Amino acid sequence: MSVSLINTLSTPLKTASKFVSYQESASGLSASRLIQDTGTCLAPKVTFSRSKEDLAENVFLELSENAIVYLGPAVLGEKVARKVFSKGLNNKEKELVAKSFKELNAMAPSVKGKIVPIKAAIAMTTMLIPLAEFSLSYLKNLFTLKVFNKSDFQNIASLEKNEENKEQQAKVEKSAKQKIGLAAAVYGGLLGLSSLMALKGKNSKTLQNLSEIILAPGDKFVKNNPKKSAFINRYFSQDFNSENGKLAMSKGQLTACVTIGGLGYFGSSADRGKENLLETASRFPLVGFYIITGGELFDKGFKKLLSKLGYCKDVINSDYSSPDFKALEEKAKEIAKTKKTSASAEFRRLAKQKVIVAGVPYLFGIGIMGFFVAGMTNYFTRKRHKNFINSKNNETV
């Protein structure tokens, strides 16, 4: 979508505007979230790293996880699964695969019945992503064990300098290998189900219903409540977003990655001791919530505050959404006609407001949430451990 006036902006404002524009696109969600989550999770952990082992495993986990979560769905869905499962379709039907379930639901039953199972098959194939994220937490444990010969979280977090327990190390290794194997087995089953849906779905009522649950769970379970249905579809549908006919990561896929990955976080933490589990329990709910929807809540709250104060009113709609840059260009031209000013000057003013409205919440996620949570969890981990040692010493007195 071309916005000609964006090239009239100064270089810093043009760069910021183009980034915001890309961030708001469906395909931009992946790259935008990749940068934001890396900033929110990795940069603070590197800053607050407590040992070379802590630093190495955080870099390993966060970079691997973010690349898989934010780049994997589009690559696996668009480049692999869509090509494989669309082989039996004609060119027109292949284009329909990128349509939303709502659009397909309004089409002829024969068309819907053929395309919906294939869409569901593609969506289920990308469950490799959250399962891989689940496995990464256990791979991190194996990485630290094999590279640094450590599995005791007290040593990794520099809380103590204990001699490593070989029995504990064997337990951590066994658990990690079992959980990775379990994830692989689950994905094998899902892959088989995906193939079944693609091959037999159009002739099976059961597979049709299952496909619809995967793509639009709200429509199946609370269809008489539009508000609840829309919420469930947004956060739990495994269907892709689509832009310009190409598949891109959706909010529901992000939710699956956070929740299933969270099981891996907690399980792998528990394997390495109570302190690791408690640290995960204090950090993960905040970060997970912020990644899924907390950022949106802050974004909406920030816009409400600006509206109440009378700022940036030209780039904030009544529902607290914000016009894209194409709409802002048209608005700038209309304002210029009315005020008898230049369209480029009006667009520059609107672009500045737009960058503020979009940029402040984005930077808040990186700068405030990330560093606050990392610093807080490290502080309370050390404080809990100190209190435990003090109470233990008091018992022996």
Protein backbone atom coordinates (compact mmCIF):
# COMPACT_ATOMS: atom_id res chain seq x y z
CA MET A 1 0.00 0.00 0.00
CA SER A 2 1.83 3.07 -1.30
CA VAL A 3 1.90 6.27 0.74
CA SER A 4 3.64 8.89 -1.41
CA LEU A 5 3.76 11.67 1.19
CA ILE A 6 5.80 9.51 3.55
CA ASN A 7 8.83 10.24 1.34
CA THR A 8 8.48 13.98 2.04
CA LEU A 9 9.29 13.45 5.73
CA SER A 10 12.69 13.99 7.30
CA THR A 11 14.83 10.84 7.47
CA PRO A 12 14.27 10.10 11.20
CA LEU A 13 10.50 10.65 10.96
CA LYS A 14 10.27 8.74 7.68
CA THR A 15 12.13 5.77 9.19
CA ALA A 16 9.93 5.76 12.28
CA SER A 17 6.78 6.13 10.18
CA LYS A 18 7.71 3.26 7.89
CA PHE A 19 8.43 1.04 10.88
CA VAL A 20 5.08 1.88 12.49
CA SER A 21 3.32 1.26 9.17
CA TYR A 22 4.98 -2.15 8.82
CA GLN A 23 4.32 -2.96 12.47
CA GLU A 24 0.59 -2.45 11.95
CA SER A 25 0.40 -4.76 8.94
CA ALA A 26 -0.52 -8.45 9.36
CA SER A 27 2.86 -9.59 8.06
CA GLY A 28 4.55 -7.00 10.26
CA LEU A 29 3.24 -8.59 13.46
CA SER A 30 5.92 -11.26 13.33
CA ALA A 31 8.93 -8.96 12.78
CA SER A 32 7.56 -6.29 15.10
CA ARG A 33 6.90 -8.78 17.88
CA LEU A 34 10.32 -10.34 17.31
CA ILE A 35 12.04 -7.02 17.98
CA GLN A 36 9.77 -6.14 20.89
CA ASP A 37 9.98 -9.53 22.60
CA THR A 38 13.75 -9.67 22.15
CA GLY A 39 13.98 -6.22 23.71
CA THR A 40 11.50 -7.11 26.45
CA CYS A 41 13.01 -10.47 27.34
CA LEU A 42 16.62 -10.77 26.17
CA ALA A 43 18.18 -7.33 26.62
CA PRO A 44 17.17 -7.07 30.32
CA LYS A 45 18.28 -10.66 31.01
CA VAL A 46 21.67 -9.93 29.47
CA THR A 47 21.93 -6.75 31.55
CA PHE A 48 21.01 -8.57 34.76
CA SER A 49 22.86 -11.82 34.01
CA ARG A 50 24.31 -13.37 37.14
CA SER A 51 26.96 -15.67 35.68
CA LYS A 52 28.38 -16.75 32.33
CA GLU A 53 26.06 -19.78 32.47
CA ASP A 54 23.03 -17.58 33.11
CA LEU A 55 24.04 -15.27 30.25
CA ALA A 56 24.70 -18.10 27.79
CA GLU A 57 21.47 -19.97 28.40
CA ASN A 58 19.35 -16.81 28.24
CA VAL A 59 20.91 -15.81 24.91
CA PHE A 60 20.45 -19.36 23.61
CA LEU A 61 16.83 -19.60 24.76
CA GLU A 62 15.58 -16.14 23.81
CA LEU A 63 17.16 -15.92 20.35
CA SER A 64 16.09 -19.44 19.41
CA GLU A 65 12.62 -19.01 20.85
CA ASN A 66 11.93 -15.64 19.26
CA ALA A 67 13.14 -16.73 15.84
CA ILE A 68 10.96 -19.85 15.97
CA VAL A 69 7.85 -18.14 17.38
CA TYR A 70 7.79 -15.00 15.27
CA LEU A 71 9.29 -16.16 11.99
CA GLY A 72 8.28 -19.83 12.03
CA PRO A 73 4.48 -19.65 11.54
CA ALA A 74 4.63 -17.65 8.33
CA VAL A 75 7.50 -19.72 6.90
CA LEU A 76 6.06 -23.09 7.91
CA GLY A 77 2.51 -22.10 7.02
CA GLU A 78 3.05 -20.13 3.80
CA LYS A 79 6.15 -21.76 2.34
CA VAL A 80 5.64 -25.39 3.40
CA ALA A 81 2.21 -26.46 4.67
CA ARG A 82 0.19 -24.34 2.24
CA LYS A 83 2.06 -25.76 -0.75
CA VAL A 84 1.79 -29.35 0.46
CA PHE A 85 -1.90 -29.33 1.40
CA SER A 86 -3.03 -27.19 -1.55
CA LYS A 87 -1.69 -29.53 -4.22
CA GLY A 88 -5.13 -30.94 -5.06
CA LEU A 89 -6.74 -27.51 -5.49
CA ASN A 90 -7.10 -25.44 -8.63
CA ASN A 91 -5.63 -21.93 -8.75
CA LYS A 92 -8.83 -20.22 -7.60
CA GLU A 93 -9.25 -22.63 -4.70
CA LYS A 94 -5.61 -22.11 -3.69
CA GLU A 95 -6.33 -18.39 -3.32
CA LEU A 96 -9.31 -19.18 -1.07
CA VAL A 97 -6.99 -20.82 1.46
CA ALA A 98 -5.86 -17.33 2.52
CA LYS A 99 -9.46 -16.17 3.08
CA SER A 100 -10.71 -15.87 6.65
CA PHE A 101 -13.09 -18.46 8.08
CA LYS A 102 -15.78 -15.77 8.20
CA GLU A 103 -15.42 -15.20 4.45
CA LEU A 104 -15.50 -18.94 3.70
CA ASN A 105 -18.51 -19.39 5.95
CA ALA A 106 -20.49 -17.10 3.65
CA MET A 107 -19.62 -19.14 0.55
CA ALA A 108 -21.38 -22.16 -0.93
CA PRO A 109 -21.29 -25.25 1.38
CA SER A 110 -19.37 -27.23 -1.25
CA VAL A 111 -16.64 -24.58 -1.36
CA LYS A 112 -16.51 -24.14 2.40
CA GLY A 113 -16.49 -27.92 2.94
CA LYS A 114 -13.47 -28.33 0.69
CA ILE A 115 -11.33 -25.38 1.82
CA VAL A 116 -11.97 -25.26 5.59
CA PRO A 117 -10.33 -28.66 6.38
CA ILE A 118 -7.29 -27.67 4.35
CA LYS A 119 -7.01 -24.38 6.23
CA ALA A 120 -7.28 -26.32 9.50
CA ALA A 121 -4.63 -28.79 8.32
CA ILE A 122 -2.23 -25.94 7.60
CA ALA A 123 -2.97 -24.37 10.99
CA MET A 124 -2.37 -27.65 12.85
CA THR A 125 0.92 -28.17 11.04
CA THR A 126 2.23 -24.99 12.61
CA MET A 127 1.67 -26.41 16.10
CA LEU A 128 5.29 -27.40 15.61
CA ILE A 129 6.11 -23.85 16.73
CA PRO A 130 4.65 -23.90 20.28
CA LEU A 131 5.83 -27.49 20.74
CA ALA A 132 9.31 -26.47 19.67
CA GLU A 133 9.16 -23.59 22.15
CA PHE A 134 8.11 -26.07 24.85
CA SER A 135 11.12 -28.22 23.96
CA LEU A 136 13.54 -25.28 23.95
CA SER A 137 13.29 -24.88 27.73
CA TYR A 138 14.48 -28.46 28.14
CA LEU A 139 17.12 -28.02 25.44
CA LYS A 140 18.36 -25.04 27.45
CA ASN A 141 18.79 -27.32 30.48
CA LEU A 142 20.71 -29.82 28.35
CA PHE A 143 22.80 -27.02 26.85
CA THR A 144 23.87 -25.71 30.27
CA LEU A 145 24.48 -29.22 31.54
CA LYS A 146 26.60 -30.33 28.58
CA VAL A 147 28.53 -27.08 28.03
CA PHE A 148 29.04 -25.95 31.64
CA ASN A 149 28.39 -29.20 33.54
CA LYS A 150 25.81 -27.46 35.71
CA SER A 151 22.18 -28.22 36.56
CA ASP A 152 21.91 -26.66 40.03
CA PHE A 153 20.09 -23.34 39.66
CA GLN A 154 21.76 -22.01 42.80
CA ASN A 155 25.11 -22.29 41.03
CA ILE A 156 23.81 -20.95 37.71
CA ALA A 157 22.25 -17.91 39.39
CA SER A 158 25.30 -17.39 41.64
CA LEU A 159 23.22 -17.86 44.77
CA GLU A 160 25.58 -20.53 46.10
CA LYS A 161 28.75 -22.35 45.06
CA ASN A 162 27.62 -25.92 45.62
CA GLU A 163 29.26 -29.04 44.33
CA GLU A 164 27.16 -30.36 41.45
CA ASN A 165 25.06 -33.40 42.34
CA LYS A 166 25.53 -36.13 39.70
CA GLU A 167 22.21 -37.70 40.60
CA GLN A 168 20.45 -34.37 40.10
CA GLN A 169 22.23 -33.88 36.78
CA ALA A 170 21.08 -37.31 35.59
CA LYS A 171 17.52 -36.45 36.62
CA VAL A 172 17.58 -33.14 34.70
CA GLU A 173 18.99 -34.87 31.60
CA LYS A 174 16.46 -37.70 31.70
CA SER A 175 13.53 -35.33 32.18
CA ALA A 176 14.67 -33.10 29.32
CA LYS A 177 15.01 -36.00 26.89
CA GLN A 178 11.62 -37.43 27.91
CA LYS A 179 9.81 -34.10 27.45
CA ILE A 180 11.45 -33.42 24.08
CA GLY A 181 10.44 -36.92 22.99
CA LEU A 182 6.89 -36.29 24.21
CA ALA A 183 6.67 -33.05 22.21
CA ALA A 184 7.90 -34.88 19.11
CA ALA A 185 5.29 -37.63 19.59
CA VAL A 186 2.48 -35.10 20.05
CA TYR A 187 3.52 -33.29 16.90
CA GLY A 188 3.66 -36.58 15.00
CA GLY A 189 0.04 -37.17 16.01
CA LEU A 190 -0.99 -33.66 14.98
CA LEU A 191 0.77 -34.04 11.66
CA GLY A 192 -1.16 -37.24 11.06
CA LEU A 193 -4.41 -35.48 11.95
CA SER A 194 -3.54 -32.62 9.59
CA SER A 195 -3.02 -35.06 6.74
CA LEU A 196 -6.31 -36.77 7.55
CA MET A 197 -8.21 -33.46 7.56
CA ALA A 198 -6.70 -32.42 4.24
CA LEU A 199 -7.41 -35.75 2.55
CA LYS A 200 -10.76 -36.74 4.07
CA GLY A 201 -12.14 -33.56 5.61
CA LYS A 202 -14.51 -32.58 2.82
CA ASN A 203 -16.41 -35.88 3.18
CA SER A 204 -16.41 -36.15 6.98
CA LYS A 205 -18.81 -34.24 9.24
CA THR A 206 -16.61 -34.99 12.26
CA LEU A 207 -13.50 -33.58 10.58
CA GLN A 208 -15.49 -30.59 9.35
CA ASN A 209 -16.56 -29.79 12.93
CA LEU A 210 -13.02 -30.29 14.22
CA SER A 211 -11.69 -27.99 11.50
CA GLU A 212 -14.15 -25.28 12.48
CA ILE A 213 -13.16 -25.60 16.15
CA ILE A 214 -9.52 -25.10 15.17
CA LEU A 215 -10.25 -22.08 12.97
CA ALA A 216 -13.15 -20.42 14.81
CA PRO A 217 -13.69 -21.91 18.31
CA GLY A 218 -15.83 -18.94 19.37
CA ASP A 219 -18.29 -19.59 16.54
CA LYS A 220 -18.66 -23.20 17.64
CA PHE A 221 -18.95 -22.77 21.40
CA VAL A 222 -20.55 -19.35 21.99
CA LYS A 223 -22.07 -18.48 18.63
CA ASN A 224 -25.05 -16.76 20.27
CA ASN A 225 -22.78 -14.29 22.06
CA PRO A 226 -20.95 -12.22 19.39
CA LYS A 227 -18.71 -10.42 21.89
CA LYS A 228 -17.46 -13.60 23.58
CA SER A 229 -17.21 -15.37 20.25
CA ALA A 230 -15.00 -12.63 18.82
CA PHE A 231 -12.77 -12.69 21.92
CA ILE A 232 -12.31 -16.47 21.77
CA ASN A 233 -11.64 -16.40 18.04
CA ARG A 234 -9.07 -13.65 18.45
CA TYR A 235 -7.06 -15.32 21.20
CA PHE A 236 -7.60 -19.06 20.59
CA SER A 237 -8.15 -19.56 16.86
CA GLN A 238 -5.16 -21.23 15.22
CA ASP A 239 -6.03 -19.75 11.83
CA PHE A 240 -3.56 -17.41 10.19
CA ASN A 241 -3.90 -13.74 9.52
CA SER A 242 -3.78 -12.93 5.85
CA GLU A 243 -2.37 -9.96 3.99
CA ASN A 244 -2.17 -9.67 0.22
CA GLY A 245 -3.05 -13.34 -0.08
CA LYS A 246 -0.17 -14.53 2.12
CA LEU A 247 -0.37 -16.20 5.52
CA ALA A 248 1.02 -14.42 8.58
CA MET A 249 1.08 -15.11 12.31
CA SER A 250 -2.17 -14.50 14.18
CA LYS A 251 -2.89 -13.53 17.76
CA GLY A 252 -4.26 -17.01 18.46
CA GLN A 253 -1.02 -18.62 17.32
CA LEU A 254 0.90 -16.26 19.58
CA THR A 255 -1.33 -17.26 22.51
CA ALA A 256 -0.63 -20.95 21.80
CA CYS A 257 3.10 -20.28 21.76
CA VAL A 258 3.01 -18.46 25.09
CA THR A 259 0.76 -20.98 26.88
CA ILE A 260 2.33 -24.21 25.60
CA GLY A 261 5.80 -22.70 25.87
CA GLY A 262 4.90 -21.76 29.44
CA LEU A 263 4.42 -25.42 30.34
CA GLY A 264 7.99 -25.99 29.23
CA TYR A 265 9.21 -23.02 31.26
CA PHE A 266 7.63 -24.29 34.45
CA GLY A 267 8.53 -27.95 33.92
CA SER A 268 12.17 -27.31 33.08
CA SER A 269 12.46 -24.85 35.99
CA ALA A 270 11.04 -27.37 38.45
CA ASP A 271 13.66 -29.90 37.33
CA ARG A 272 16.43 -27.55 38.46
CA GLY A 273 15.07 -26.73 41.88
CA LYS A 274 12.54 -24.73 43.85
CA GLU A 275 14.37 -21.41 43.39
CA ASN A 276 14.22 -21.71 39.61
CA LEU A 277 10.52 -22.60 39.71
CA LEU A 278 9.68 -19.65 41.97
CA GLU A 279 11.61 -17.25 39.75
CA THR A 280 9.72 -18.49 36.69
CA ALA A 281 6.41 -18.20 38.55
CA SER A 282 7.16 -14.57 39.42
CA ARG A 283 8.27 -13.60 35.91
CA PHE A 284 6.34 -15.63 33.35
CA PRO A 285 2.76 -14.50 34.14
CA LEU A 286 3.72 -10.83 33.76
CA VAL A 287 5.73 -11.29 30.57
CA GLY A 288 3.27 -13.77 29.06
CA PHE A 289 0.30 -11.53 29.75
CA TYR A 290 2.08 -8.50 28.33
CA ILE A 291 3.11 -10.33 25.16
CA ILE A 292 -0.39 -11.66 24.47
CA THR A 293 -2.59 -8.72 25.40
CA GLY A 294 -1.05 -6.46 28.04
CA GLY A 295 0.68 -4.40 25.38
CA GLU A 296 -2.65 -3.78 23.67
CA LEU A 297 -4.24 -2.72 26.96
CA PHE A 298 -1.45 -0.23 27.59
CA ASP A 299 -1.74 1.00 24.00
CA LYS A 300 -5.48 1.61 24.39
CA GLY A 301 -5.03 3.22 27.79
CA PHE A 302 -2.36 5.56 26.43
CA LYS A 303 -4.66 6.64 23.60
CA LYS A 304 -7.52 7.22 26.05
CA LEU A 305 -5.24 9.43 28.14
CA LEU A 306 -4.10 11.44 25.11
CA SER A 307 -7.72 11.86 23.97
CA LYS A 308 -8.78 13.02 27.42
CA LEU A 309 -5.98 15.60 27.44
CA GLY A 310 -6.84 16.71 23.91
CA TYR A 311 -3.58 15.56 22.32
CA CYS A 312 -3.13 13.75 18.97
CA LYS A 313 -6.86 13.83 18.38
CA ASP A 314 -6.41 13.73 14.60
CA VAL A 315 -4.81 10.28 14.75
CA ILE A 316 -7.04 8.65 17.38
CA ASN A 317 -10.47 7.35 16.35
CA SER A 318 -13.53 7.26 18.60
CA ASP A 319 -12.91 3.56 19.34
CA TYR A 320 -9.26 4.35 20.22
CA SER A 321 -7.91 2.72 17.09
CA SER A 322 -5.58 4.74 14.90
CA PRO A 323 -5.80 5.34 11.13
CA ASP A 324 -3.07 3.77 9.01
CA PHE A 325 -0.69 5.97 7.03
CA LYS A 326 -2.73 5.63 3.84
CA ALA A 327 -5.76 7.07 5.65
CA LEU A 328 -3.57 9.77 7.21
CA GLU A 329 -2.37 10.81 3.76
CA GLU A 330 -5.97 11.29 2.60
CA LYS A 331 -6.79 13.12 5.81
CA ALA A 332 -3.78 15.42 5.35
CA LYS A 333 -4.95 16.33 1.85
CA GLU A 334 -8.47 17.10 3.12
CA ILE A 335 -7.16 19.26 5.97
CA ALA A 336 -4.82 21.07 3.57
CA LYS A 337 -7.74 21.96 1.30
CA THR A 338 -9.78 23.28 4.21
CA LYS A 339 -6.95 25.23 5.85
CA LYS A 340 -5.30 26.19 2.53
CA THR A 341 -1.98 24.73 3.63
CA SER A 342 0.28 22.16 1.98
CA ALA A 343 -0.61 18.49 2.21
CA SER A 344 3.00 17.58 3.03
CA ALA A 345 3.02 19.93 6.03
CA GLU A 346 -0.24 18.51 7.36
CA PHE A 347 0.98 14.97 6.77
CA ARG A 348 4.19 15.75 8.67
CA ARG A 349 2.13 16.91 11.63
CA LEU A 350 -0.09 13.83 11.54
CA ALA A 351 2.89 11.50 11.09
CA LYS A 352 4.56 12.92 14.21
CA GLN A 353 1.38 12.31 16.21
CA LYS A 354 1.04 8.81 14.77
CA VAL A 355 4.62 7.89 15.70
CA ILE A 356 4.04 9.13 19.26
CA VAL A 357 0.75 7.23 19.59
CA ALA A 358 2.28 3.99 18.32
CA GLY A 359 5.86 4.38 19.50
CA VAL A 360 5.43 5.13 23.20
CA PRO A 361 3.56 1.87 24.01
CA TYR A 362 6.05 -0.08 21.89
CA LEU A 363 9.07 1.38 23.67
CA PHE A 364 7.34 0.95 27.03
CA GLY A 365 7.25 -2.79 26.40
CA ILE A 366 10.97 -2.89 25.67
CA GLY A 367 12.31 -0.37 28.15
CA ILE A 368 10.00 -0.53 31.14
CA MET A 369 8.35 -3.95 31.20
CA GLY A 370 11.47 -5.86 30.22
CA PHE A 371 13.94 -4.25 32.60
CA PHE A 372 11.45 -3.94 35.45
CA VAL A 373 10.49 -7.61 35.34
CA ALA A 374 14.08 -8.86 34.91
CA GLY A 375 15.39 -6.69 37.74
CA MET A 376 12.44 -7.51 40.01
CA THR A 377 12.67 -11.29 39.56
CA ASN A 378 16.43 -11.35 40.11
CA TYR A 379 16.06 -9.24 43.24
CA PHE A 380 13.33 -11.38 44.75
CA THR A 381 15.12 -14.61 43.86
CA ARG A 382 18.16 -13.47 45.81
CA LYS A 383 15.98 -12.14 48.65
CA ARG A 384 14.02 -15.43 48.91
CA HIS A 385 17.23 -17.39 48.99
CA LYS A 386 18.71 -15.11 51.67
CA ASN A 387 15.57 -15.45 53.81
CA PHE A 388 15.70 -19.22 53.41
CA ILE A 389 19.33 -19.35 54.54
CA ASN A 390 18.60 -17.07 57.50
CA SER A 391 15.63 -19.18 58.61
CA LYS A 392 17.69 -22.34 58.23
CA ASN A 393 20.49 -20.85 60.34
CA ASN A 394 18.01 -19.77 63.01
CA GLU A 395 16.65 -23.34 63.24
CA THR A 396 20.13 -24.67 63.97
CA VAL A 397 20.82 -22.14 66.74
